[in-house]
Amino acid sequence: MTSIYKILRREEWLVADRAGAFTGSAVDLRDGYIHFSTAAQAQETARRHFRDQADLVVLEVDAAALGAALVWEPSRGGALFPHLYGSLAPAHVVIVHEAPLEADGVPVLAFLGKT
């Protein structure tokens, strides 16, 4: 299984889980797709875009389960990032990880060393 990761506010996930679909955070809705990161990209994504944001979770998703709606596109420095063109069903979420903040305000994705 190839896992991809979505960092978001816990409340966003709880609302989406109850509704039966996650359609995206504000930046996703603006860009027209749901932003994901690979295991190698996720900590840098957390540092760049989620500093000082408390109460975050990280969704771990099986990339293959998303089918053709998942497109790998160049982004930061030309690296390929997974983008989901469509909504994310809670059934595709393998696990929801905690993302506590370090003293410098950067979310810690300690689970990445274990996947």
C-alpha atoms as a PDB file:
ATOM      1  CA  MET A   1       0.000   0.000   0.000  1.00  0.00           C
ATOM      2  CA  THR A   2       1.240   3.468  -0.884  1.00  0.00           C
ATOM      3  CA  SER A   3       0.043   5.953   1.701  1.00  0.00           C
ATOM      4  CA  ILE A   4      -0.521   9.644   1.095  1.00  0.00           C
ATOM      5  CA  TYR A   5      -1.273  12.225   3.768  1.00  0.00           C
ATOM      6  CA  LYS A   6      -3.649  15.141   4.272  1.00  0.00           C
ATOM      7  CA  ILE A   7      -3.026  17.613   7.102  1.00  0.00           C
ATOM      8  CA  LEU A   8      -6.094  19.473   8.304  1.00  0.00           C
ATOM      9  CA  ARG A   9      -7.864  20.898  11.334  1.00  0.00           C
ATOM     10  CA  ARG A  10      -9.490  18.260  13.508  1.00  0.00           C
ATOM     11  CA  GLU A  11     -12.872  20.030  13.272  1.00  0.00           C
ATOM     12  CA  GLU A  12     -12.721  19.953   9.449  1.00  0.00           C
ATOM     13  CA  TRP A  13     -12.239  16.193   9.583  1.00  0.00           C
ATOM     14  CA  LEU A  14     -14.980  15.616  12.163  1.00  0.00           C
ATOM     15  CA  VAL A  15     -17.488  17.574  10.051  1.00  0.00           C
ATOM     16  CA  ALA A  16     -16.447  15.712   6.885  1.00  0.00           C
ATOM     17  CA  ASP A  17     -16.572  12.330   8.587  1.00  0.00           C
ATOM     18  CA  ARG A  18     -20.118  12.996   9.826  1.00  0.00           C
ATOM     19  CA  ALA A  19     -21.146  14.264   6.374  1.00  0.00           C
ATOM     20  CA  GLY A  20     -19.661  11.224   4.623  1.00  0.00           C
ATOM     21  CA  ALA A  21     -17.204  13.170   2.436  1.00  0.00           C
ATOM     22  CA  PHE A  22     -14.318  15.606   2.700  1.00  0.00           C
ATOM     23  CA  THR A  23     -14.502  18.121  -0.145  1.00  0.00           C
ATOM     24  CA  GLY A  24     -11.430  20.074   0.902  1.00  0.00           C
ATOM     25  CA  SER A  25     -10.034  22.805   3.099  1.00  0.00           C
ATOM     26  CA  ALA A  26     -10.170  26.435   1.977  1.00  0.00           C
ATOM     27  CA  VAL A  27      -6.933  26.120  -0.048  1.00  0.00           C
ATOM     28  CA  ASP A  28      -8.174  22.926  -1.697  1.00  0.00           C
ATOM     29  CA  LEU A  29     -11.458  24.539  -2.685  1.00  0.00           C
ATOM     30  CA  ARG A  30      -9.558  27.533  -4.089  1.00  0.00           C
ATOM     31  CA  ASP A  31      -7.199  25.338  -6.121  1.00  0.00           C
ATOM     32  CA  GLY A  32      -9.844  22.876  -7.334  1.00  0.00           C
ATOM     33  CA  TYR A  33      -8.354  19.712  -5.821  1.00  0.00           C
ATOM     34  CA  ILE A  34      -7.457  18.226  -2.446  1.00  0.00           C
ATOM     35  CA  HIS A  35      -3.761  18.597  -1.655  1.00  0.00           C
ATOM     36  CA  PHE A  36      -1.956  15.529  -0.336  1.00  0.00           C
ATOM     37  CA  SER A  37       1.702  14.808   0.441  1.00  0.00           C
ATOM     38  CA  THR A  38       3.801  11.670   0.342  1.00  0.00           C
ATOM     39  CA  ALA A  39       5.546  10.448   3.489  1.00  0.00           C
ATOM     40  CA  ALA A  40       8.728  12.157   2.288  1.00  0.00           C
ATOM     41  CA  GLN A  41       6.907  15.467   1.696  1.00  0.00           C
ATOM     42  CA  ALA A  42       4.507  15.641   4.646  1.00  0.00           C
ATOM     43  CA  GLN A  43       6.826  17.057   7.348  1.00  0.00           C
ATOM     44  CA  GLU A  44       7.942  19.897   5.058  1.00  0.00           C
ATOM     45  CA  THR A  45       4.303  20.578   4.161  1.00  0.00           C
ATOM     46  CA  ALA A  46       3.538  20.780   7.885  1.00  0.00           C
ATOM     47  CA  ARG A  47       6.445  23.187   8.444  1.00  0.00           C
ATOM     48  CA  ARG A  48       5.576  25.457   5.512  1.00  0.00           C
ATOM     49  CA  HIS A  49       1.816  25.590   5.724  1.00  0.00           C
ATOM     50  CA  PHE A  50       0.674  24.584   9.226  1.00  0.00           C
ATOM     51  CA  ARG A  51       3.061  26.279  11.677  1.00  0.00           C
ATOM     52  CA  ASP A  52       1.332  27.490  14.859  1.00  0.00           C
ATOM     53  CA  GLN A  53      -1.956  25.783  13.952  1.00  0.00           C
ATOM     54  CA  ALA A  54      -3.063  23.700  16.897  1.00  0.00           C
ATOM     55  CA  ASP A  55      -5.464  20.762  16.918  1.00  0.00           C
ATOM     56  CA  LEU A  56      -4.407  19.276  13.610  1.00  0.00           C
ATOM     57  CA  VAL A  57      -4.786  15.715  12.419  1.00  0.00           C
ATOM     58  CA  VAL A  58      -3.234  13.891   9.510  1.00  0.00           C
ATOM     59  CA  LEU A  59      -5.294  11.556   7.386  1.00  0.00           C
ATOM     60  CA  GLU A  60      -3.428   8.545   6.042  1.00  0.00           C
ATOM     61  CA  VAL A  61      -5.034   7.390   2.811  1.00  0.00           C
ATOM     62  CA  ASP A  62      -4.355   4.426   0.520  1.00  0.00           C
ATOM     63  CA  ALA A  63      -3.446   6.155  -2.756  1.00  0.00           C
ATOM     64  CA  ALA A  64      -4.526   3.217  -4.921  1.00  0.00           C
ATOM     65  CA  ALA A  65      -8.042   3.308  -3.480  1.00  0.00           C
ATOM     66  CA  LEU A  66      -8.601   6.772  -4.978  1.00  0.00           C
ATOM     67  CA  GLY A  67      -8.296   5.547  -8.566  1.00  0.00           C
ATOM     68  CA  ALA A  68      -8.085   7.915 -11.519  1.00  0.00           C
ATOM     69  CA  ALA A  69      -9.247  10.907  -9.448  1.00  0.00           C
ATOM     70  CA  LEU A  70      -5.746  10.996  -7.902  1.00  0.00           C
ATOM     71  CA  VAL A  71      -3.292  12.820 -10.156  1.00  0.00           C
ATOM     72  CA  TRP A  72       0.428  13.267  -9.485  1.00  0.00           C
ATOM     73  CA  GLU A  73       1.442  16.790 -10.502  1.00  0.00           C
ATOM     74  CA  PRO A  74       4.622  18.864 -10.198  1.00  0.00           C
ATOM     75  CA  SER A  75       4.677  21.425  -7.442  1.00  0.00           C
ATOM     76  CA  ARG A  76       7.338  22.533  -4.955  1.00  0.00           C
ATOM     77  CA  GLY A  77      10.696  22.351  -6.711  1.00  0.00           C
ATOM     78  CA  GLY A  78       9.254  20.155  -9.456  1.00  0.00           C
ATOM     79  CA  ALA A  79       8.459  17.300  -7.068  1.00  0.00           C
ATOM     80  CA  LEU A  80       5.326  15.322  -7.872  1.00  0.00           C
ATOM     81  CA  PHE A  81       2.521  15.816  -5.347  1.00  0.00           C
ATOM     82  CA  PRO A  82      -0.697  13.798  -5.161  1.00  0.00           C
ATOM     83  CA  HIS A  83      -3.821  15.855  -5.903  1.00  0.00           C
ATOM     84  CA  LEU A  84      -7.325  14.450  -5.584  1.00  0.00           C
ATOM     85  CA  TYR A  85      -9.835  15.798  -8.085  1.00  0.00           C
ATOM     86  CA  GLY A  86     -12.986  14.900  -6.218  1.00  0.00           C
ATOM     87  CA  SER A  87     -14.079  14.330  -2.661  1.00  0.00           C
ATOM     88  CA  LEU A  88     -12.494  11.987  -0.146  1.00  0.00           C
ATOM     89  CA  ALA A  89     -14.742   9.309   1.340  1.00  0.00           C
ATOM     90  CA  PRO A  90     -14.023   8.525   5.002  1.00  0.00           C
ATOM     91  CA  ALA A  91     -13.830   4.844   4.019  1.00  0.00           C
ATOM     92  CA  HIS A  92     -10.571   5.627   2.180  1.00  0.00           C
ATOM     93  CA  VAL A  93      -8.916   6.925   5.349  1.00  0.00           C
ATOM     94  CA  VAL A  94      -6.750   4.166   6.786  1.00  0.00           C
ATOM     95  CA  ILE A  95      -5.971   5.978  10.048  1.00  0.00           C
ATOM     96  CA  VAL A  96      -6.189   9.461  11.542  1.00  0.00           C
ATOM     97  CA  HIS A  97      -2.921  10.541  13.175  1.00  0.00           C
ATOM     98  CA  GLU A  98      -2.372  13.244  15.770  1.00  0.00           C
ATOM     99  CA  ALA A  99      -0.089  16.157  14.833  1.00  0.00           C
ATOM    100  CA  PRO A 100       0.986  17.924  18.045  1.00  0.00           C
ATOM    101  CA  LEU A 101       3.028  21.124  17.834  1.00  0.00           C
ATOM    102  CA  GLU A 102       6.705  21.307  18.746  1.00  0.00           C
ATOM    103  CA  ALA A 103       7.982  24.244  20.805  1.00  0.00           C
ATOM    104  CA  ASP A 104       8.735  26.093  17.531  1.00  0.00           C
ATOM    105  CA  GLY A 105       5.100  25.718  16.432  1.00  0.00           C
ATOM    106  CA  VAL A 106       5.737  23.132  13.731  1.00  0.00           C
ATOM    107  CA  PRO A 107       3.422  20.103  13.737  1.00  0.00           C
ATOM    108  CA  VAL A 108       5.265  16.890  14.492  1.00  0.00           C
ATOM    109  CA  LEU A 109       4.472  13.925  12.285  1.00  0.00           C
ATOM    110  CA  ALA A 110       6.281  11.362  14.423  1.00  0.00           C
ATOM    111  CA  PHE A 111       4.217   8.492  12.989  1.00  0.00           C
ATOM    112  CA  LEU A 112       6.023   8.828   9.656  1.00  0.00           C
ATOM    113  CA  GLY A 113       9.008   7.018  11.077  1.00  0.00           C
ATOM    114  CA  LYS A 114       6.717   4.070  11.795  1.00  0.00           C
ATOM    115  CA  THR A 115       4.912   3.688   8.439  1.00  0.00           C
END
